C-alpha cells in the first residue's frame, strides 16, 4: 500500500485548480472623503415574492481605491476580494462613466 496521498482520488487535481470567478458590481460613488476608500451605492431591482411589485433596494459598499482619481457621482466597476479592513472587502476596477457635477475645487478656479 502506498503512503503518498493521491490528490486525484479525492477529486483534487492540483494542476487544474482554477481561481474562483470574482463577482463584479457597478455602482455610483456617493462619498470619497476617506483616504483610499470610496462609498459606493449599488441599486438592484427585484419582484416582490408575494405582491409581485417591482421593488428597488440600495446597498452601500466600501471600496478600496489606492489611486484616488474617482469623484463623487462617477459610475465605477468594482469586485470583491480578500478583506482590506473590518468593513472593506471590495476593490476598485475602473471608471465606467465620469460625472459632470461641479466640485467646490473647480468653482474656486472660476
Protein backbone atom coordinates (compact mmCIF):
# COMPACT_ATOMS: atom_id res chain seq x y z
CA UNK A 1 0.00 0.00 0.00
CA UNK A 2 1.33 3.42 -0.99
CA UNK A 3 1.62 6.03 1.81
CA UNK A 4 1.58 9.02 -0.57
CA UNK A 5 -1.65 10.97 -0.87
CA UNK A 6 -3.12 10.82 -4.32
CA UNK A 7 -4.99 14.10 -4.89
CA UNK A 8 -6.85 12.72 -7.89
CA UNK A 9 -8.60 10.16 -5.66
CA UNK A 10 -10.00 12.97 -3.52
CA UNK A 11 -11.27 14.85 -6.56
CA UNK A 12 -8.49 17.44 -6.34
CA UNK A 13 -6.30 17.68 -9.39
CA UNK A 14 -3.61 20.16 -8.34
CA UNK A 15 -2.65 21.07 -11.92
CA UNK A 16 -6.21 22.04 -12.84
CA UNK A 17 -7.18 24.12 -9.80
CA UNK A 18 -8.79 27.31 -11.07
CA UNK A 19 -9.31 30.57 -9.25
CA UNK A 20 -12.82 31.46 -8.15
CA UNK A 21 -14.58 33.87 -10.50
CA UNK A 22 -14.85 37.25 -8.77
CA UNK A 23 -18.24 38.99 -8.69
CA UNK A 24 -18.19 42.40 -10.38
CA UNK A 25 -20.52 45.22 -9.25
CA UNK A 26 -21.42 48.55 -10.87
CA UNK A 27 -22.43 51.47 -8.69
CA UNK A 28 -22.38 55.22 -8.09
CA UNK A 29 -19.80 56.87 -5.84
CA UNK A 30 -21.55 58.75 -3.03
CA UNK A 31 -18.51 59.63 -0.89
CA UNK A 32 -14.75 59.87 -1.35
CA UNK A 33 -13.77 61.76 1.81
CA UNK A 34 -11.87 58.85 3.39
CA UNK A 35 -8.29 58.14 2.37
CA UNK A 36 -8.08 55.34 -0.22
CA UNK A 37 -11.73 54.41 0.39
CA UNK A 38 -14.90 55.08 -1.58
CA UNK A 39 -18.50 54.58 -0.52
CA UNK A 40 -20.45 53.23 -3.49
CA UNK A 41 -24.22 52.73 -3.78
CA UNK A 42 -25.43 49.74 -5.80
CA UNK A 43 -29.12 49.62 -6.73
CA UNK A 44 -30.91 46.41 -7.61
CA UNK A 45 -34.46 45.72 -8.69
CA UNK A 46 -36.46 42.60 -7.91
CA UNK A 47 -40.03 41.39 -7.92
CA UNK A 48 -41.66 41.03 -4.52
CA UNK A 49 -42.46 37.34 -4.00
CA UNK A 50 -45.94 37.92 -2.58
CA UNK A 51 -47.21 41.17 -4.06
CA UNK A 52 -45.46 40.86 -7.48
CA UNK A 53 -44.49 44.51 -7.36
CA UNK A 54 -41.15 45.62 -8.75
CA UNK A 55 -39.10 46.81 -5.79
CA UNK A 56 -35.84 48.72 -5.62
CA UNK A 57 -33.21 48.18 -2.96
CA UNK A 58 -29.95 50.07 -2.45
CA UNK A 59 -26.85 48.82 -0.69
CA UNK A 60 -23.69 50.72 0.18
CA UNK A 61 -20.23 49.18 -0.11
CA UNK A 62 -16.83 50.48 0.98
CA UNK A 63 -14.37 50.09 -1.87
CA UNK A 64 -10.57 50.20 -1.66
CA UNK A 65 -9.24 52.83 -4.07
CA UNK A 66 -5.44 53.21 -3.99
CA UNK A 67 -5.23 55.61 -6.96
CA UNK A 68 -7.76 58.19 -5.68
CA UNK A 69 -8.85 59.54 -9.09
CA UNK A 70 -12.58 58.98 -8.59
CA UNK A 71 -15.04 61.78 -7.83
CA UNK A 72 -18.50 61.80 -6.27
CA UNK A 73 -21.12 60.91 -8.87
CA UNK A 74 -18.88 58.71 -11.01
CA UNK A 75 -20.15 55.29 -12.06
CA UNK A 76 -17.49 52.65 -11.31
CA UNK A 77 -16.92 48.92 -11.52
CA UNK A 78 -15.52 47.08 -8.52
CA UNK A 79 -15.05 43.48 -7.43
CA UNK A 80 -14.99 41.51 -4.22
CA UNK A 81 -11.73 40.18 -2.84
CA UNK A 82 -9.94 39.48 0.39
CA UNK A 83 -10.75 41.81 3.31
CA UNK A 84 -8.70 45.01 3.34
CA UNK A 85 -10.12 46.05 6.72
CA UNK A 86 -13.02 45.27 9.04
CA UNK A 87 -15.68 46.66 6.69
CA UNK A 88 -13.85 46.82 3.35
CA UNK A 89 -13.55 43.80 1.06
CA UNK A 90 -14.24 45.39 -2.34
CA UNK A 91 -11.61 46.67 -4.77
CA UNK A 92 -11.82 49.40 -7.43
CA UNK A 93 -11.55 48.18 -11.03
CA UNK A 94 -12.31 51.06 -13.43
CA UNK A 95 -14.41 54.16 -14.04
CA UNK A 96 -17.36 53.40 -16.34
CA UNK A 97 -18.67 56.99 -16.63
CA UNK A 98 -17.41 60.23 -15.12
CA UNK A 99 -19.84 62.68 -13.57
CA UNK A 100 -20.40 66.17 -14.92
CA UNK A 101 -21.04 67.63 -11.46
CA UNK A 102 -19.10 70.66 -10.39
CA UNK A 103 -16.84 70.24 -7.40
CA UNK A 104 -16.01 73.02 -4.91
CA UNK A 105 -12.38 72.97 -6.11
CA UNK A 106 -13.50 73.60 -9.68
CA UNK A 107 -15.67 76.55 -8.61
CA UNK A 108 -12.72 78.28 -6.93
CA UNK A 109 -10.89 78.45 -10.26
CA UNK A 110 -13.76 80.36 -11.96
